[in-house]
Protein backbone atom coordinates (compact mmCIF):
# COMPACT_ATOMS: atom_id res chain seq x y z
CA MET A 1 31.96 69.18 203.46
CA LYS A 2 35.12 67.31 204.28
CA SER A 3 33.79 64.25 202.44
CA ASP A 4 33.15 66.28 199.26
CA PHE A 5 36.63 67.84 199.54
CA PHE A 6 38.34 64.44 199.67
CA LYS A 7 36.31 63.25 196.68
CA VAL A 8 37.52 66.25 194.62
CA ILE A 9 41.13 65.63 195.61
CA PHE A 10 40.88 61.92 194.74
CA PHE A 11 39.34 62.75 191.34
CA ILE A 12 42.17 65.20 190.54
CA LEU A 13 44.82 62.59 191.44
CA ILE A 14 43.14 59.98 189.22
CA CYS A 15 43.01 62.39 186.30
CA SER A 16 46.66 63.49 186.66
CA GLN A 17 47.84 59.84 186.78
CA ALA A 18 45.84 59.02 183.67
CA CYS A 19 47.32 61.97 181.85
CA SER A 20 50.80 60.94 182.95
CA CYS A 21 50.31 57.38 181.65
CA SER A 22 48.92 58.62 178.37
CA SER A 23 51.87 60.95 177.93
CA GLY A 24 54.30 58.12 178.68
CA LYS A 25 52.67 55.83 176.11
CA LYS A 26 52.92 58.51 173.42
CA LYS A 27 56.55 59.07 174.28
CA ASP A 28 57.29 55.35 174.07
CA LYS A 29 55.43 55.12 170.79
CA GLY A 30 57.50 57.93 169.38
CA ASN A 31 60.76 56.27 170.44
CA GLN A 32 60.07 52.68 169.39
CA ASN A 33 61.41 53.25 165.80
CA ILE A 34 64.72 54.77 166.94
CA VAL A 35 67.83 52.54 166.91
CA SER A 36 70.84 53.91 168.77
CA PHE A 37 74.40 52.90 169.61
CA ILE A 38 75.11 51.41 166.17
CA GLU A 39 78.20 51.78 164.01
CA GLY A 40 78.63 52.39 160.32
CA ILE A 41 81.07 53.19 157.56
CA ILE A 42 81.11 55.65 154.68
CA LEU A 43 82.03 53.90 151.45
CA LYS A 44 85.16 55.08 149.67
CA PRO A 45 86.79 53.55 146.57
CA THR A 46 89.85 51.47 147.41
CA THR A 47 92.38 49.45 145.45
CA VAL A 48 91.87 45.70 145.66
CA ASP A 49 93.75 42.83 144.08
CA GLU A 50 91.16 40.46 142.67
CA THR A 51 92.60 37.18 143.90
CA ILE A 52 90.83 33.85 144.17
CA GLN A 53 91.93 30.72 146.00
CA VAL A 54 91.22 27.21 144.72
CA SER A 55 92.53 23.74 145.45
CA GLY A 56 94.90 21.85 143.18
CA THR A 57 97.01 18.72 142.90
CA LEU A 58 100.67 18.32 142.00
CA LYS A 59 101.39 15.71 139.35
CA PRO A 60 104.55 14.46 137.65
CA PHE A 61 105.06 15.91 134.20
CA GLU A 62 104.88 12.38 132.78
CA GLU A 63 103.71 9.19 134.50
CA THR A 64 103.41 5.74 132.92
CA VAL A 65 102.44 2.33 134.23
CA LEU A 66 104.86 -0.08 132.54
CA MET A 67 103.30 -3.17 130.92
CA SER A 68 104.44 -5.83 128.48
CA ASP A 69 103.05 -6.17 124.95
CA ILE A 70 103.06 -9.98 125.13
CA SER A 71 102.78 -12.78 127.66
CA GLY A 72 105.82 -14.72 128.81
CA ARG A 73 108.36 -15.52 131.51
CA VAL A 74 110.64 -12.79 132.86
CA VAL A 75 114.29 -13.78 132.30
CA SER A 76 115.91 -10.41 133.03
CA LEU A 77 114.79 -7.67 135.42
CA ASN A 78 116.19 -4.15 135.61
CA LEU A 79 113.71 -2.12 137.67
CA PRO A 80 115.83 -0.17 140.18
CA GLU A 81 113.23 1.11 142.64
CA GLY A 82 113.56 4.81 143.32
CA GLN A 83 116.41 5.16 140.84
CA HIS A 84 116.75 7.26 137.71
CA VAL A 85 116.89 5.51 134.33
CA LYS A 86 117.59 6.80 130.84
CA LYS A 87 115.21 6.64 127.91
CA GLY A 88 115.56 3.36 126.00
CA THR A 89 116.99 1.38 128.93
CA VAL A 90 115.88 -2.29 128.91
CA LEU A 91 113.87 -2.70 132.09
CA VAL A 92 112.29 -6.15 131.61
CA LYS A 93 113.24 -9.00 129.27
CA ILE A 94 110.86 -11.88 128.43
CA PHE A 95 112.04 -15.29 127.23
CA ASP A 96 112.46 -15.20 123.43
CA GLY A 97 114.44 -18.39 122.71
CA ASP A 98 111.78 -19.79 120.37
CA LEU A 99 111.60 -16.54 118.41
CA GLN A 100 115.38 -16.36 118.11
CA ALA A 101 115.43 -19.91 116.70
CA GLN A 102 112.77 -19.01 114.16
CA LEU A 103 114.76 -15.91 113.19
CA LYS A 104 117.92 -17.97 112.69
CA LYS A 105 116.02 -20.44 110.50
CA ALA A 106 114.51 -17.63 108.43
CA ASN A 107 117.96 -16.07 107.88
CA THR A 108 119.26 -19.41 106.61
CA GLN A 109 116.31 -19.77 104.26
CA LEU A 110 116.90 -16.25 103.00
CA GLU A 111 120.55 -16.98 102.29
CA ILE A 112 119.66 -20.09 100.23
CA ALA A 113 116.86 -18.32 98.38
CA GLN A 114 119.16 -15.41 97.47
CA GLN A 115 121.80 -17.80 96.11
CA ILE A 116 119.16 -19.50 93.92
CA LEU A 117 117.94 -16.11 92.75
CA THR A 118 121.51 -15.12 91.80
CA ARG A 119 121.95 -18.25 89.64
CA GLN A 120 118.55 -17.77 88.03
CA THR A 121 119.50 -14.22 87.15
CA GLU A 122 122.38 -15.53 85.06
CA LEU A 123 120.18 -18.21 83.46
CA LEU A 124 117.56 -15.64 82.58
CA LYS A 125 120.14 -13.70 80.59
CA VAL A 126 120.74 -16.72 78.30
CA ASP A 127 117.08 -17.78 78.29
CA GLY A 128 117.91 -20.77 80.49
CA ILE A 129 114.69 -20.23 82.51
CA SER A 130 111.44 -18.46 81.93
CA GLN A 131 110.56 -15.07 83.34
CA LEU A 132 107.83 -16.71 85.42
CA GLU A 133 110.29 -18.95 87.25
CA TYR A 134 112.53 -15.99 87.97
CA ASP A 135 109.65 -13.91 89.31
CA GLN A 136 108.49 -16.74 91.59
CA GLN A 137 111.97 -17.04 93.11
CA ALA A 138 112.22 -13.28 93.62
CA LEU A 139 108.80 -13.37 95.33
CA GLN A 140 110.01 -16.10 97.67
CA VAL A 141 113.06 -14.04 98.65
CA ASN A 142 110.89 -11.03 99.45
CA SER A 143 108.46 -13.22 101.42
CA ILE A 144 111.29 -14.55 103.60
CA LYS A 145 112.52 -11.01 104.21
CA ASP A 146 109.01 -10.04 105.40
CA ASP A 147 108.94 -13.02 107.76
CA ILE A 148 112.27 -11.91 109.21
CA GLU A 149 110.95 -8.40 109.83
CA LEU A 150 107.87 -9.83 111.55
CA LEU A 151 110.06 -11.99 113.81
CA LYS A 152 112.21 -8.98 114.71
CA VAL A 153 109.09 -7.04 115.73
CA GLN A 154 107.92 -9.95 117.88
CA ILE A 155 111.36 -10.19 119.50
CA SER A 156 111.33 -6.44 120.22
CA LYS A 157 108.08 -6.95 122.10
CA THR A 158 109.89 -9.21 124.56
CA GLN A 159 111.66 -6.12 125.91
CA VAL A 160 110.10 -3.37 128.03
CA LEU A 161 112.04 -0.14 127.50
CA ALA A 162 112.02 3.11 129.47
CA PRO A 163 109.81 5.50 127.43
CA TYR A 164 111.64 8.58 128.75
CA ASP A 165 114.15 9.66 131.39
CA GLY A 166 112.50 9.13 134.76
CA ILE A 167 112.47 7.53 138.18
CA ILE A 168 111.22 3.98 138.70
CA GLY A 169 108.65 3.44 141.45
CA LEU A 170 107.99 0.22 143.34
CA ARG A 171 108.14 -2.88 141.13
CA ASN A 172 105.32 -5.41 141.21
CA ILE A 173 107.06 -8.49 139.78
CA SER A 174 110.09 -10.67 140.44
CA LEU A 175 112.52 -12.53 138.21
CA GLY A 176 110.93 -15.63 136.66
CA ALA A 177 107.37 -14.34 136.96
CA GLN A 178 104.82 -15.17 134.27
CA ILE A 179 103.31 -11.90 133.03
CA THR A 180 100.58 -10.89 130.61
CA PRO A 181 99.83 -7.60 128.80
CA SER A 182 97.55 -6.67 131.72
CA THR A 183 100.24 -7.13 134.40
CA PRO A 184 101.49 -3.78 135.84
CA LEU A 185 105.26 -4.09 136.15
CA ALA A 186 106.11 -0.75 137.79
CA THR A 187 105.52 2.98 137.36
CA ILE A 188 107.99 5.41 135.85
CA ARG A 189 107.68 9.15 136.49
CA GLU A 190 109.42 12.14 135.02
CA SER A 191 109.80 14.07 138.26
CA ASN A 192 112.37 16.69 137.30
CA GLN A 193 109.37 18.85 136.41
CA LEU A 194 105.87 18.92 137.88
CA LYS A 195 102.40 19.89 136.71
CA LEU A 196 99.71 21.59 138.77
CA ASP A 197 96.09 20.70 138.01
CA PHE A 198 93.32 22.93 139.37
CA ALA A 199 89.86 24.24 138.51
CA VAL A 200 88.40 27.76 138.68
CA PRO A 201 84.74 28.87 138.82
CA GLY A 202 83.22 29.31 135.38
CA LYS A 203 82.78 33.09 135.77
CA TYR A 204 86.57 33.46 135.76
CA SER A 205 87.09 31.25 132.70
CA THR A 206 87.88 34.17 130.37
CA MET A 207 90.64 35.35 132.69
CA ILE A 208 92.59 32.07 132.69
CA HIS A 209 94.70 31.44 129.59
CA PRO A 210 98.11 29.99 128.67
CA GLY A 211 100.81 32.09 130.26
CA THR A 212 98.80 33.14 133.33
CA THR A 213 101.03 32.99 136.42
CA VAL A 214 99.68 31.45 139.61
CA LYS A 215 101.14 30.94 143.08
CA PHE A 216 100.58 27.95 145.32
CA SER A 217 101.61 26.46 148.64
CA VAL A 218 101.58 22.92 150.02
CA ALA A 219 100.82 21.53 153.45
CA GLY A 220 103.75 21.52 155.84
CA SER A 221 105.56 24.41 154.16
CA ASP A 222 105.24 28.20 154.38
CA ASN A 223 106.94 28.68 151.02
CA LYS A 224 105.05 29.86 147.96
CA TYR A 225 105.86 28.53 144.52
CA ASP A 226 105.21 29.80 141.00
CA ALA A 227 103.57 28.01 138.10
CA SER A 228 102.58 29.06 134.59
CA VAL A 229 99.35 27.91 132.94
CA MET A 230 100.12 25.73 129.92
CA ALA A 231 96.59 24.77 128.83
CA THR A 232 92.92 24.78 129.82
CA GLU A 233 89.94 22.68 128.86
CA GLU A 234 87.91 23.93 125.90
CA GLY A 235 84.69 24.02 127.91
CA ILE A 236 83.29 24.36 131.43
CA GLU A 237 82.50 21.18 133.36
CA LEU A 238 78.71 20.80 133.42
CA ASN A 239 78.47 19.16 136.85
CA THR A 240 80.76 21.52 138.77
CA ARG A 241 80.55 24.61 136.54
CA THR A 242 84.32 24.96 136.71
CA LEU A 243 87.10 25.26 134.14
CA LYS A 244 89.97 22.80 134.45
CA ALA A 245 93.46 24.19 133.96
CA ARG A 246 96.99 22.81 134.01
CA ALA A 247 100.15 24.74 134.89
CA VAL A 248 103.85 23.93 134.71
CA VAL A 249 105.66 24.33 138.02
CA LYS A 250 108.88 26.27 137.83
CA PRO A 251 111.91 24.21 138.97
CA THR A 252 112.15 24.21 142.78
CA GLY A 253 114.41 21.28 143.64
CA THR A 254 113.14 18.22 145.48
CA GLU A 255 110.90 19.71 148.18
CA LEU A 256 107.69 19.20 146.15
CA VAL A 257 106.24 15.71 145.92
CA PRO A 258 103.83 14.51 143.18
CA GLY A 259 100.34 13.91 144.51
CA SER A 260 100.52 16.67 147.13
CA TYR A 261 97.50 18.90 147.78
CA ALA A 262 98.11 22.51 146.76
CA ASN A 263 96.38 25.75 147.74
CA VAL A 264 96.41 27.84 144.56
CA GLU A 265 96.19 31.64 144.52
CA ILE A 266 95.26 33.30 141.22
CA ARG A 267 95.56 37.04 140.83
CA LEU A 268 93.08 38.05 138.15
CA ASN A 269 93.31 41.86 138.03
CA GLU A 270 93.63 45.02 140.13
CA ASN A 271 90.52 47.13 140.80
CA HIS A 272 91.21 50.75 141.81
CA ASN A 273 87.54 51.64 142.45
CA ALA A 274 86.39 48.74 144.59
CA LEU A 275 83.73 49.35 147.27
CA MET A 276 84.52 47.11 150.24
CA VAL A 277 82.14 46.49 153.16
CA PRO A 278 82.62 44.35 156.28
CA THR A 279 81.31 40.82 155.83
CA GLN A 280 79.07 41.16 158.92
CA SER A 281 77.11 43.95 157.21
CA ILE A 282 75.84 41.58 154.51
CA ILE A 283 72.35 40.18 155.14
CA LEU A 284 71.99 36.80 153.42
CA GLN A 285 68.56 35.97 152.04
CA GLU A 286 67.20 33.08 150.03
CA ARG A 287 67.65 34.70 146.63
CA ASN A 288 69.82 37.76 147.17
CA LYS A 289 72.02 39.76 149.55
CA GLN A 290 71.21 43.06 151.24
CA VAL A 291 72.87 45.79 153.26
CA ILE A 292 71.32 48.56 155.37
CA VAL A 293 71.98 52.04 153.98
CA SER A 294 71.32 55.19 156.01
CA LYS A 295 69.41 57.69 153.87
CA GLY A 296 68.16 60.82 155.59
CA GLY A 297 68.77 59.13 158.94
CA LYS A 298 66.47 56.22 158.10
CA ALA A 299 67.26 52.59 157.41
CA VAL A 300 66.90 51.48 153.78
CA PHE A 301 67.43 47.80 152.92
CA THR A 302 69.31 47.68 149.61
CA THR A 303 69.90 44.59 147.44
CA VAL A 304 73.52 44.22 146.33
CA ARG A 305 75.77 41.92 144.34
CA THR A 306 79.15 40.91 145.72
CA GLY A 307 82.52 40.08 144.21
CA VAL A 308 85.92 39.38 145.70
CA ARG A 309 85.97 38.21 149.32
CA GLN A 310 88.87 38.97 151.62
CA SER A 311 89.48 37.94 155.23
CA ASN A 312 87.14 40.56 156.80
CA ASP A 313 85.71 42.48 153.84
CA ILE A 314 83.79 41.73 150.68
CA GLU A 315 83.49 43.74 147.48
CA VAL A 316 80.09 45.12 146.45
CA THR A 317 79.86 45.32 142.67
CA GLU A 318 76.26 46.53 142.30
CA GLY A 319 73.74 48.41 144.45
CA LEU A 320 75.96 50.91 146.29
CA ASN A 321 77.73 54.15 145.47
CA PRO A 322 80.73 55.97 146.96
CA GLY A 323 79.63 58.10 149.92
CA ASP A 324 76.84 55.77 151.06
CA THR A 325 76.68 55.15 154.82
CA ILE A 326 76.42 51.44 155.63
CA VAL A 327 75.30 50.01 158.99
CA THR A 328 77.85 47.51 160.34
CA THR A 329 76.50 46.63 163.82
CA GLY A 330 73.08 45.99 165.37
CA ILE A 331 71.70 44.77 162.06
CA MET A 332 69.36 42.23 163.68
CA PHE A 333 67.46 44.96 165.57
CA ILE A 334 66.85 47.30 162.62
CA LYS A 335 63.68 47.43 160.59
CA SER A 336 63.07 49.20 157.31
CA GLY A 337 62.41 52.91 157.98
CA SER A 338 63.91 52.90 161.48
CA ASN A 339 65.57 56.12 162.64
CA LEU A 340 69.29 55.54 162.99
CA HIS A 341 71.50 57.15 165.62
CA PHE A 342 75.17 56.23 165.04
CA SER A 343 77.60 56.10 167.89
CA LYS A 344 80.57 55.72 165.53
CA ILE A 345 81.07 56.17 161.79
CA LYS A 346 84.33 55.33 160.08
């Protein structure tokens, strides 16, 4: 009897343990789609300045590499390095002794030819010479005058003049040097005003036009400077898909140096109905971007399009509506259709 009693007790214990395990498995199965201790935000329209940042380069308003029109020996040099020169100042003079001698000879020939022409004019009045002889002498006078003009042009080419008011850079030649038209003499820059060259993504091309004001800063300075767009390219660059633009920097003194790298800020417009989400809530995929929206307490993966990016937030332009609840933490552990239990909602 005792043996049968212990068998019954053992059977009851086995059955109760099996029921307990089965109940536990069902409970676990019911809880495996629940995600807790996550945070989220409720979307509300906010005002956002649509500002983009691009890189740029400061350039002098005018910059020219000085070169001679002809070959020759430098007999006079006036290239004051780092100094300001006026437009039309003679910077380099090339030997022109042979040309000056030819000019003097031509002037003498012109004087004699004009005297002959004067006498022939009187003779023509009394039929002392034919009209043909007179015309030939007049042609010779005009020919000599043309030769003189040609010599003056050649002599003018022996001088290198400052094309505008500017500052001379480092000179590359010395007095007595033999130069050719391909010899760089020095560089002159008009540095009292600067230009700012930059490029913007093609999708913003319609928002950049002459008169648009931009701000920029340079390395080593916390100051921000203003510039006004003066012109843009007529088309978008095919390789980079960007639009090149050029702005005139407003006078700032001497703290800006041509060639400096500039960080350009462009304020495009102000959006009063922007929907901003934290950047960590965006799920990047191969072809699109998604966020997790809580609908009826369940996770719904929604494809979105983004716009302006700020330091911690990014604008969603398509796919979401005001009032949507967006998951901001624990994104890696959530599957589509999971039950969401928020610990904090902003």
